[in-house]
Amino acid sequence: MRLGHVIGRVTLSQWDPAYKGARFLLVQPFTKAEFAGKGVTPLAAGSSLVVYDNLGAGVGHVVGFTEGAEAAAPFDTPTPVDAFNAAIIDEIFYTPPAS
């Protein structure tokens, strides 16, 4: 599972019935600096991803998402999805490893 900030929503012109009751979010994955407590800094173009969300996350939330085969696992039938929102994160506690 990876963490990321929700930076937007995706609007589709056509909808597949497998996606009923959910939406797609634009998510910027966390960087190492963000885990250390620094603020969100925009990443290079193309580094954000689209995440399927049925939990109700919105812009500004931190989410935990899975990618690959695990992203399609929650669906009953084979569904074309690359990333799935598995959690909305309330708080993050990070202790860097001792040097």
PDB file of N, CA and C in Angstrom:
ATOM      1  N   MET A   1       0.848  -1.171   0.000  1.00  0.00           N
ATOM      2  CA  MET A   1       0.000   0.000   0.000  1.00  0.00           C
ATOM      3  C   MET A   1       0.889   1.229   0.000  1.00  0.00           C
ATOM      4  N   ARG A   2       0.497   2.217  -0.769  1.00  0.00           N
ATOM      5  CA  ARG A   2       1.202   3.496  -0.815  1.00  0.00           C
ATOM      6  C   ARG A   2       0.258   4.585  -0.320  1.00  0.00           C
ATOM      7  N   LEU A   3       0.818   5.705   0.099  1.00  0.00           N
ATOM      8  CA  LEU A   3       0.022   6.847   0.547  1.00  0.00           C
ATOM      9  C   LEU A   3       0.135   7.970  -0.459  1.00  0.00           C
ATOM     10  N   GLY A   4      -0.930   8.777  -0.548  1.00  0.00           N
ATOM     11  CA  GLY A   4      -0.897   9.924  -1.437  1.00  0.00           C
ATOM     12  C   GLY A   4      -1.947  10.954  -1.063  1.00  0.00           C
ATOM     13  N   HIS A   5      -1.764  12.168  -1.579  1.00  0.00           N
ATOM     14  CA  HIS A   5      -2.709  13.274  -1.372  1.00  0.00           C
ATOM     15  C   HIS A   5      -3.686  13.312  -2.531  1.00  0.00           C
ATOM     16  N   VAL A   6      -4.968  13.480  -2.228  1.00  0.00           N
ATOM     17  CA  VAL A   6      -5.963  13.658  -3.276  1.00  0.00           C
ATOM     18  C   VAL A   6      -5.872  15.110  -3.738  1.00  0.00           C
ATOM     19  N   ILE A   7      -5.576  15.300  -5.023  1.00  0.00           N
ATOM     20  CA  ILE A   7      -5.423  16.660  -5.561  1.00  0.00           C
ATOM     21  C   ILE A   7      -6.523  17.022  -6.555  1.00  0.00           C
ATOM     22  N   GLY A   8      -7.441  16.090  -6.837  1.00  0.00           N
ATOM     23  CA  GLY A   8      -8.528  16.401  -7.763  1.00  0.00           C
ATOM     24  C   GLY A   8      -9.428  15.210  -7.996  1.00  0.00           C
ATOM     25  N   ARG A   9     -10.466  15.445  -8.811  1.00  0.00           N
ATOM     26  CA  ARG A   9     -11.400  14.387  -9.189  1.00  0.00           C
ATOM     27  C   ARG A   9     -11.376  14.247 -10.700  1.00  0.00           C
ATOM     28  N   VAL A  10     -11.712  13.067 -11.171  1.00  0.00           N
ATOM     29  CA  VAL A  10     -11.754  12.788 -12.598  1.00  0.00           C
ATOM     30  C   VAL A  10     -13.216  12.621 -13.006  1.00  0.00           C
ATOM     31  N   THR A  11     -13.609  13.294 -14.082  1.00  0.00           N
ATOM     32  CA  THR A  11     -14.961  13.167 -14.610  1.00  0.00           C
ATOM     33  C   THR A  11     -14.913  12.386 -15.905  1.00  0.00           C
ATOM     34  N   LEU A  12     -15.728  11.348 -15.998  1.00  0.00           N
ATOM     35  CA  LEU A  12     -15.763  10.499 -17.183  1.00  0.00           C
ATOM     36  C   LEU A  12     -16.937  10.884 -18.074  1.00  0.00           C
ATOM     37  N   SER A  13     -16.744  10.784 -19.387  1.00  0.00           N
ATOM     38  CA  SER A  13     -17.845  11.067 -20.312  1.00  0.00           C
ATOM     39  C   SER A  13     -18.726   9.833 -20.497  1.00  0.00           C
ATOM     40  N   GLN A  14     -18.165   8.639 -20.253  1.00  0.00           N
ATOM     41  CA  GLN A  14     -18.938   7.401 -20.297  1.00  0.00           C
ATOM     42  C   GLN A  14     -18.579   6.585 -19.062  1.00  0.00           C
ATOM     43  N   TRP A  15     -19.527   5.789 -18.590  1.00  0.00           N
ATOM     44  CA  TRP A  15     -19.371   5.089 -17.327  1.00  0.00           C
ATOM     45  C   TRP A  15     -19.612   3.600 -17.529  1.00  0.00           C
ATOM     46  N   ASP A  16     -18.760   2.779 -16.967  1.00  0.00           N
ATOM     47  CA  ASP A  16     -18.921   1.329 -17.008  1.00  0.00           C
ATOM     48  C   ASP A  16     -19.753   0.918 -15.795  1.00  0.00           C
ATOM     49  N   PRO A  17     -20.729   0.025 -15.951  1.00  0.00           N
ATOM     50  CA  PRO A  17     -21.566  -0.383 -14.813  1.00  0.00           C
ATOM     51  C   PRO A  17     -20.773  -0.950 -13.624  1.00  0.00           C
ATOM     52  N   ALA A  18     -19.596  -1.496 -13.856  1.00  0.00           N
ATOM     53  CA  ALA A  18     -18.786  -2.040 -12.751  1.00  0.00           C
ATOM     54  C   ALA A  18     -18.361  -0.958 -11.772  1.00  0.00           C
ATOM     55  N   TYR A  19     -18.361   0.301 -12.195  1.00  0.00           N
ATOM     56  CA  TYR A  19     -17.915   1.398 -11.345  1.00  0.00           C
ATOM     57  C   TYR A  19     -19.058   2.093 -10.608  1.00  0.00           C
ATOM     58  N   LYS A  20     -20.256   1.517 -10.621  1.00  0.00           N
ATOM     59  CA  LYS A  20     -21.419   2.155 -10.008  1.00  0.00           C
ATOM     60  C   LYS A  20     -21.181   2.418  -8.518  1.00  0.00           C
ATOM     61  N   GLY A  21     -21.558   3.610  -8.059  1.00  0.00           N
ATOM     62  CA  GLY A  21     -21.470   3.945  -6.649  1.00  0.00           C
ATOM     63  C   GLY A  21     -20.121   4.460  -6.189  1.00  0.00           C
ATOM     64  N   ALA A  22     -19.251   4.813  -7.118  1.00  0.00           N
ATOM     65  CA  ALA A  22     -17.920   5.297  -6.730  1.00  0.00           C
ATOM     66  C   ALA A  22     -17.460   6.359  -7.725  1.00  0.00           C
ATOM     67  N   ARG A  23     -16.224   6.805  -7.547  1.00  0.00           N
ATOM     68  CA  ARG A  23     -15.660   7.837  -8.429  1.00  0.00           C
ATOM     69  C   ARG A  23     -14.165   7.621  -8.565  1.00  0.00           C
ATOM     70  N   PHE A  24     -13.568   8.444  -9.387  1.00  0.00           N
ATOM     71  CA  PHE A  24     -12.130   8.389  -9.596  1.00  0.00           C
ATOM     72  C   PHE A  24     -11.488   9.666  -9.061  1.00  0.00           C
ATOM     73  N   LEU A  25     -10.356   9.501  -8.384  1.00  0.00           N
ATOM     74  CA  LEU A  25      -9.634  10.622  -7.796  1.00  0.00           C
ATOM     75  C   LEU A  25      -8.258  10.754  -8.439  1.00  0.00           C
ATOM     76  N   LEU A  26      -7.761  11.967  -8.505  1.00  0.00           N
ATOM     77  CA  LEU A  26      -6.404  12.223  -8.954  1.00  0.00           C
ATOM     78  C   LEU A  26      -5.548  12.314  -7.695  1.00  0.00           C
ATOM     79  N   VAL A  27      -4.540  11.439  -7.594  1.00  0.00           N
ATOM     80  CA  VAL A  27      -3.750  11.319  -6.363  1.00  0.00           C
ATOM     81  C   VAL A  27      -2.271  11.546  -6.660  1.00  0.00           C
ATOM     82  N   GLN A  28      -1.635  12.330  -5.807  1.00  0.00           N
ATOM     83  CA  GLN A  28      -0.191  12.564  -5.884  1.00  0.00           C
ATOM     84  C   GLN A  28       0.468  11.722  -4.795  1.00  0.00           C
ATOM     85  N   PRO A  29       1.264  10.706  -5.177  1.00  0.00           N
ATOM     86  CA  PRO A  29       1.909   9.851  -4.170  1.00  0.00           C
ATOM     87  C   PRO A  29       2.845  10.641  -3.253  1.00  0.00           C
ATOM     88  N   PHE A  30       2.956  10.182  -2.009  1.00  0.00           N
ATOM     89  CA  PHE A  30       3.869  10.787  -1.040  1.00  0.00           C
ATOM     90  C   PHE A  30       5.318  10.619  -1.500  1.00  0.00           C
ATOM     91  N   THR A  31       6.116  11.613  -1.167  1.00  0.00           N
ATOM     92  CA  THR A  31       7.562  11.509  -1.355  1.00  0.00           C
ATOM     93  C   THR A  31       8.201  11.254   0.005  1.00  0.00           C
ATOM     94  N   LYS A  32       9.464  10.929   0.016  1.00  0.00           N
ATOM     95  CA  LYS A  32      10.173  10.685   1.269  1.00  0.00           C
ATOM     96  C   LYS A  32      10.133  11.927   2.170  1.00  0.00           C
ATOM     97  N   ALA A  33      10.254  13.115   1.588  1.00  0.00           N
ATOM     98  CA  ALA A  33      10.238  14.358   2.365  1.00  0.00           C
ATOM     99  C   ALA A  33       8.893  14.581   3.053  1.00  0.00           C
ATOM    100  N   GLU A  34       7.808  14.195   2.403  1.00  0.00           N
ATOM    101  CA  GLU A  34       6.493  14.374   3.010  1.00  0.00           C
ATOM    102  C   GLU A  34       6.302  13.469   4.224  1.00  0.00           C
ATOM    103  N   PHE A  35       6.877  12.285   4.199  1.00  0.00           N
ATOM    104  CA  PHE A  35       6.825  11.419   5.373  1.00  0.00           C
ATOM    105  C   PHE A  35       7.590  12.051   6.527  1.00  0.00           C
ATOM    106  N   ALA A  36       8.627  12.815   6.242  1.00  0.00           N
ATOM    107  CA  ALA A  36       9.428  13.459   7.274  1.00  0.00           C
ATOM    108  C   ALA A  36       8.760  14.717   7.819  1.00  0.00           C
ATOM    109  N   GLY A  37       7.601  15.107   7.276  1.00  0.00           N
ATOM    110  CA  GLY A  37       6.865  16.237   7.817  1.00  0.00           C
ATOM    111  C   GLY A  37       6.838  17.477   6.967  1.00  0.00           C
ATOM    112  N   LYS A  38       7.510  17.487   5.839  1.00  0.00           N
ATOM    113  CA  LYS A  38       7.465  18.656   4.968  1.00  0.00           C
ATOM    114  C   LYS A  38       6.120  18.699   4.263  1.00  0.00           C
ATOM    115  N   GLY A  39       5.740  19.883   3.823  1.00  0.00           N
ATOM    116  CA  GLY A  39       4.453  20.060   3.149  1.00  0.00           C
ATOM    117  C   GLY A  39       4.429  19.412   1.776  1.00  0.00           C
ATOM    118  N   VAL A  40       3.253  19.440   1.177  1.00  0.00           N
ATOM    119  CA  VAL A  40       3.074  18.875  -0.152  1.00  0.00           C
ATOM    120  C   VAL A  40       3.728  19.792  -1.174  1.00  0.00           C
ATOM    121  N   THR A  41       4.591  19.214  -1.996  1.00  0.00           N
ATOM    122  CA  THR A  41       5.189  19.971  -3.091  1.00  0.00           C
ATOM    123  C   THR A  41       4.778  19.318  -4.394  1.00  0.00           C
ATOM    124  N   PRO A  42       4.395  20.097  -5.398  1.00  0.00           N
ATOM    125  CA  PRO A  42       3.962  19.507  -6.665  1.00  0.00           C
ATOM    126  C   PRO A  42       5.063  18.656  -7.285  1.00  0.00           C
ATOM    127  N   LEU A  43       4.681  17.494  -7.779  1.00  0.00           N
ATOM    128  CA  LEU A  43       5.622  16.611  -8.459  1.00  0.00           C
ATOM    129  C   LEU A  43       5.658  16.933  -9.940  1.00  0.00           C
ATOM    130  N   ALA A  44       6.577  16.326 -10.635  1.00  0.00           N
ATOM    131  CA  ALA A  44       6.688  16.533 -12.070  1.00  0.00           C
ATOM    132  C   ALA A  44       5.423  16.061 -12.773  1.00  0.00           C
ATOM    133  N   ALA A  45       5.139  16.653 -13.912  1.00  0.00           N
ATOM    134  CA  ALA A  45       3.972  16.259 -14.696  1.00  0.00           C
ATOM    135  C   ALA A  45       4.026  14.766 -14.987  1.00  0.00           C
ATOM    136  N   GLY A  46       2.893  14.097 -14.865  1.00  0.00           N
ATOM    137  CA  GLY A  46       2.820  12.682 -15.140  1.00  0.00           C
ATOM    138  C   GLY A  46       3.079  11.790 -13.942  1.00  0.00           C
ATOM    139  N   SER A  47       3.366  12.350 -12.778  1.00  0.00           N
ATOM    140  CA  SER A  47       3.657  11.512 -11.612  1.00  0.00           C
ATOM    141  C   SER A  47       2.431  11.286 -10.725  1.00  0.00           C
ATOM    142  N   SER A  48       1.309  11.933 -11.036  1.00  0.00           N
ATOM    143  CA  SER A  48       0.078  11.651 -10.295  1.00  0.00           C
ATOM    144  C   SER A  48      -0.631  10.479 -10.968  1.00  0.00           C
ATOM    145  N   LEU A  49      -1.598   9.873 -10.273  1.00  0.00           N
ATOM    146  CA  LEU A  49      -2.303   8.748 -10.850  1.00  0.00           C
ATOM    147  C   LEU A  49      -3.781   8.807 -10.521  1.00  0.00           C
ATOM    148  N   VAL A  50      -4.570   8.059 -11.278  1.00  0.00           N
ATOM    149  CA  VAL A  50      -6.008   7.996 -11.087  1.00  0.00           C
ATOM    150  C   VAL A  50      -6.315   6.781 -10.217  1.00  0.00           C
ATOM    151  N   VAL A  51      -7.073   7.019  -9.139  1.00  0.00           N
ATOM    152  CA  VAL A  51      -7.382   5.976  -8.154  1.00  0.00           C
ATOM    153  C   VAL A  51      -8.896   5.819  -8.059  1.00  0.00           C
ATOM    154  N   TYR A  52      -9.387   4.586  -8.140  1.00  0.00           N
ATOM    155  CA  TYR A  52     -10.805   4.282  -7.950  1.00  0.00           C
ATOM    156  C   TYR A  52     -11.131   4.412  -6.468  1.00  0.00           C
ATOM    157  N   ASP A  53     -12.222   5.126  -6.139  1.00  0.00           N
ATOM    158  CA  ASP A  53     -12.566   5.379  -4.738  1.00  0.00           C
ATOM    159  C   ASP A  53     -14.031   5.077  -4.479  1.00  0.00           C
ATOM    160  N   ASN A  54     -14.306   4.160  -3.581  1.00  0.00           N
ATOM    161  CA  ASN A  54     -15.687   3.908  -3.152  1.00  0.00           C
ATOM    162  C   ASN A  54     -15.863   4.223  -1.662  1.00  0.00           C
ATOM    163  N   LEU A  55     -14.876   4.889  -1.068  1.00  0.00           N
ATOM    164  CA  LEU A  55     -14.928   5.232   0.358  1.00  0.00           C
ATOM    165  C   LEU A  55     -15.382   6.660   0.615  1.00  0.00           C
ATOM    166  N   GLY A  56     -15.330   7.526  -0.394  1.00  0.00           N
ATOM    167  CA  GLY A  56     -15.784   8.899  -0.227  1.00  0.00           C
ATOM    168  C   GLY A  56     -14.697   9.907   0.081  1.00  0.00           C
ATOM    169  N   ALA A  57     -13.468   9.629  -0.283  1.00  0.00           N
ATOM    170  CA  ALA A  57     -12.379  10.594  -0.059  1.00  0.00           C
ATOM    171  C   ALA A  57     -12.581  11.805  -0.968  1.00  0.00           C
ATOM    172  N   GLY A  58     -12.055  12.935  -0.536  1.00  0.00           N
ATOM    173  CA  GLY A  58     -12.177  14.158  -1.313  1.00  0.00           C
ATOM    174  C   GLY A  58     -10.847  14.877  -1.421  1.00  0.00           C
ATOM    175  N   VAL A  59     -10.869  15.974  -2.138  1.00  0.00           N
ATOM    176  CA  VAL A  59      -9.659  16.767  -2.329  1.00  0.00           C
ATOM    177  C   VAL A  59      -9.107  17.188  -0.978  1.00  0.00           C
ATOM    178  N   GLY A  60      -7.790  16.983  -0.784  1.00  0.00           N
ATOM    179  CA  GLY A  60      -7.130  17.316   0.465  1.00  0.00           C
ATOM    180  C   GLY A  60      -6.941  16.134   1.401  1.00  0.00           C
ATOM    181  N   HIS A  61      -7.658  15.055   1.195  1.00  0.00           N
ATOM    182  CA  HIS A  61      -7.497  13.868   2.034  1.00  0.00           C
ATOM    183  C   HIS A  61      -6.208  13.125   1.694  1.00  0.00           C
ATOM    184  N   VAL A  62      -5.722  12.380   2.668  1.00  0.00           N
ATOM    185  CA  VAL A  62      -4.604  11.453   2.449  1.00  0.00           C
ATOM    186  C   VAL A  62      -5.228  10.073   2.357  1.00  0.00           C
ATOM    187  N   VAL A  63      -4.880   9.343   1.309  1.00  0.00           N
ATOM    188  CA  VAL A  63      -5.452   8.012   1.103  1.00  0.00           C
ATOM    189  C   VAL A  63      -4.351   6.968   1.004  1.00  0.00           C
ATOM    190  N   GLY A  64      -4.712   5.731   1.334  1.00  0.00           N
ATOM    191  CA  GLY A  64      -3.837   4.584   1.144  1.00  0.00           C
ATOM    192  C   GLY A  64      -4.375   3.802  -0.042  1.00  0.00           C
ATOM    193  N   PHE A  65      -3.563   3.588  -1.047  1.00  0.00           N
ATOM    194  CA  PHE A  65      -4.050   2.929  -2.255  1.00  0.00           C
ATOM    195  C   PHE A  65      -3.148   1.765  -2.645  1.00  0.00           C
ATOM    196  N   THR A  66      -3.754   0.799  -3.331  1.00  0.00           N
ATOM    197  CA  THR A  66      -3.029  -0.342  -3.858  1.00  0.00           C
ATOM    198  C   THR A  66      -3.014  -0.248  -5.370  1.00  0.00           C
ATOM    199  N   GLU A  67      -2.029  -0.888  -5.977  1.00  0.00           N
ATOM    200  CA  GLU A  67      -1.902  -0.858  -7.433  1.00  0.00           C
ATOM    201  C   GLU A  67      -1.757  -2.279  -7.966  1.00  0.00           C
ATOM    202  N   GLY A  68      -1.906  -2.421  -9.258  1.00  0.00           N
ATOM    203  CA  GLY A  68      -1.698  -3.710  -9.905  1.00  0.00           C
ATOM    204  C   GLY A  68      -2.859  -4.662  -9.690  1.00  0.00           C
ATOM    205  N   ALA A  69      -2.541  -5.949  -9.623  1.00  0.00           N
ATOM    206  CA  ALA A  69      -3.573  -6.988  -9.492  1.00  0.00           C
ATOM    207  C   ALA A  69      -4.408  -6.804  -8.224  1.00  0.00           C
ATOM    208  N   GLU A  70      -3.805  -6.317  -7.150  1.00  0.00           N
ATOM    209  CA  GLU A  70      -4.538  -6.108  -5.897  1.00  0.00           C
ATOM    210  C   GLU A  70      -5.631  -5.059  -6.055  1.00  0.00           C
ATOM    211  N   ALA A  71      -5.461  -4.116  -6.973  1.00  0.00           N
ATOM    212  CA  ALA A  71      -6.459  -3.057  -7.184  1.00  0.00           C
ATOM    213  C   ALA A  71      -7.746  -3.627  -7.769  1.00  0.00           C
ATOM    214  N   ALA A  72      -7.654  -4.669  -8.569  1.00  0.00           N
ATOM    215  CA  ALA A  72      -8.836  -5.268  -9.193  1.00  0.00           C
ATOM    216  C   ALA A  72      -9.484  -6.328  -8.310  1.00  0.00           C
ATOM    217  N   ALA A  73      -8.842  -6.727  -7.230  1.00  0.00           N
ATOM    218  CA  ALA A  73      -9.346  -7.804  -6.367  1.00  0.00           C
ATOM    219  C   ALA A  73     -10.720  -7.527  -5.753  1.00  0.00           C
ATOM    220  N   PRO A  74     -11.087  -6.284  -5.359  1.00  0.00           N
ATOM    221  CA  PRO A  74     -12.389  -6.069  -4.723  1.00  0.00           C
ATOM    222  C   PRO A  74     -13.598  -6.249  -5.645  1.00  0.00           C
ATOM    223  N   PHE A  75     -13.387  -6.345  -6.946  1.00  0.00           N
ATOM    224  CA  PHE A  75     -14.494  -6.450  -7.890  1.00  0.00           C
ATOM    225  C   PHE A  75     -14.879  -7.909  -8.126  1.00  0.00           C
ATOM    226  N   ASP A  76     -16.183  -8.154  -8.341  1.00  0.00           N
ATOM    227  CA  ASP A  76     -16.679  -9.507  -8.587  1.00  0.00           C
ATOM    228  C   ASP A  76     -16.258 -10.037  -9.958  1.00  0.00           C
ATOM    229  N   THR A  77     -16.211  -9.152 -10.934  1.00  0.00           N
ATOM    230  CA  THR A  77     -15.832  -9.538 -12.291  1.00  0.00           C
ATOM    231  C   THR A  77     -14.548  -8.807 -12.667  1.00  0.00           C
ATOM    232  N   PRO A  78     -13.815  -9.295 -13.658  1.00  0.00           N
ATOM    233  CA  PRO A  78     -12.605  -8.583 -14.082  1.00  0.00           C
ATOM    234  C   PRO A  78     -12.933  -7.138 -14.478  1.00  0.00           C
ATOM    235  N   THR A  79     -12.274  -6.197 -13.832  1.00  0.00           N
ATOM    236  CA  THR A  79     -12.544  -4.771 -14.039  1.00  0.00           C
ATOM    237  C   THR A  79     -11.237  -4.053 -14.317  1.00  0.00           C
ATOM    238  N   PRO A  80     -11.210  -3.206 -15.351  1.00  0.00           N
ATOM    239  CA  PRO A  80      -9.977  -2.489 -15.682  1.00  0.00           C
ATOM    240  C   PRO A  80      -9.721  -1.315 -14.739  1.00  0.00           C
ATOM    241  N   VAL A  81      -8.988  -1.575 -13.674  1.00  0.00           N
ATOM    242  CA  VAL A  81      -8.634  -0.523 -12.726  1.00  0.00           C
ATOM    243  C   VAL A  81      -7.174  -0.729 -12.324  1.00  0.00           C
ATOM    244  N   ASP A  82      -6.404   0.353 -12.286  1.00  0.00           N
ATOM    245  CA  ASP A  82      -4.982   0.261 -11.972  1.00  0.00           C
ATOM    246  C   ASP A  82      -4.659   0.573 -10.523  1.00  0.00           C
ATOM    247  N   ALA A  83      -5.510   1.372  -9.856  1.00  0.00           N
ATOM    248  CA  ALA A  83      -5.255   1.738  -8.459  1.00  0.00           C
ATOM    249  C   ALA A  83      -6.593   1.816  -7.717  1.00  0.00           C
ATOM    250  N   PHE A  84      -6.609   1.343  -6.475  1.00  0.00           N
ATOM    251  CA  PHE A  84      -7.829   1.260  -5.673  1.00  0.00           C
ATOM    252  C   PHE A  84      -7.587   1.891  -4.303  1.00  0.00           C
ATOM    253  N   ASN A  85      -8.470   2.791  -3.890  1.00  0.00           N
ATOM    254  CA  ASN A  85      -8.364   3.429  -2.584  1.00  0.00           C
ATOM    255  C   ASN A  85      -8.806   2.447  -1.506  1.00  0.00           C
ATOM    256  N   ALA A  86      -7.878   2.043  -0.664  1.00  0.00           N
ATOM    257  CA  ALA A  86      -8.168   1.066   0.382  1.00  0.00           C
ATOM    258  C   ALA A  86      -8.395   1.709   1.744  1.00  0.00           C
ATOM    259  N   ALA A  87      -7.991   2.983   1.928  1.00  0.00           N
ATOM    260  CA  ALA A  87      -8.121   3.611   3.243  1.00  0.00           C
ATOM    261  C   ALA A  87      -8.054   5.126   3.124  1.00  0.00           C
ATOM    262  N   ILE A  88      -8.791   5.794   4.005  1.00  0.00           N
ATOM    263  CA  ILE A  88      -8.651   7.245   4.182  1.00  0.00           C
ATOM    264  C   ILE A  88      -7.876   7.412   5.477  1.00  0.00           C
ATOM    265  N   ILE A  89      -6.731   8.080   5.404  1.00  0.00           N
ATOM    266  CA  ILE A  89      -5.802   8.175   6.526  1.00  0.00           C
ATOM    267  C   ILE A  89      -6.113   9.412   7.371  1.00  0.00           C
ATOM    268  N   ASP A  90      -6.252   9.213   8.687  1.00  0.00           N
ATOM    269  CA  ASP A  90      -6.506  10.325   9.606  1.00  0.00           C
ATOM    270  C   ASP A  90      -5.214  10.968  10.095  1.00  0.00           C
ATOM    271  N   GLU A  91      -4.274  10.140  10.524  1.00  0.00           N
ATOM    272  CA  GLU A  91      -3.029  10.636  11.097  1.00  0.00           C
ATOM    273  C   GLU A  91      -1.868   9.756  10.668  1.00  0.00           C
ATOM    274  N   ILE A  92      -0.690  10.377  10.559  1.00  0.00           N
ATOM    275  CA  ILE A  92       0.512   9.635  10.205  1.00  0.00           C
ATOM    276  C   ILE A  92       1.558   9.886  11.279  1.00  0.00           C
ATOM    277  N   PHE A  93       2.117   8.812  11.813  1.00  0.00           N
ATOM    278  CA  PHE A  93       3.215   8.910  12.769  1.00  0.00           C
ATOM    279  C   PHE A  93       4.433   8.305  12.089  1.00  0.00           C
ATOM    280  N   TYR A  94       5.452   9.083  11.932  1.00  0.00           N
ATOM    281  CA  TYR A  94       6.658   8.637  11.230  1.00  0.00           C
ATOM    282  C   TYR A  94       7.877   8.842  12.099  1.00  0.00           C
ATOM    283  N   THR A  95       8.649   7.787  12.299  1.00  0.00           N
ATOM    284  CA  THR A  95       9.901   7.867  13.017  1.00  0.00           C
ATOM    285  C   THR A  95      10.990   7.416  12.055  1.00  0.00           C
ATOM    286  N   PRO A  96      11.872   8.340  11.633  1.00  0.00           N
ATOM    287  CA  PRO A  96      12.915   7.944  10.697  1.00  0.00           C
ATOM    288  C   PRO A  96      13.889   6.968  11.340  1.00  0.00           C
ATOM    289  N   PRO A  97      14.449   6.083  10.538  1.00  0.00           N
ATOM    290  CA  PRO A  97      15.420   5.133  11.094  1.00  0.00           C
ATOM    291  C   PRO A  97      16.649   5.849  11.633  1.00  0.00           C
ATOM    292  N   ALA A  98      17.226   5.297  12.669  1.00  0.00           N
ATOM    293  CA  ALA A  98      18.422   5.894  13.273  1.00  0.00           C
ATOM    294  C   ALA A  98      19.592   5.765  12.311  1.00  0.00           C
ATOM    295  N   SER A  99      20.374   6.833  12.192  1.00  0.00           N
ATOM    296  CA  SER A  99      21.526   6.815  11.273  1.00  0.00           C
ATOM    297  C   SER A  99      22.747   6.265  11.938  1.00  0.00           C
TER     298      SER A  99
END
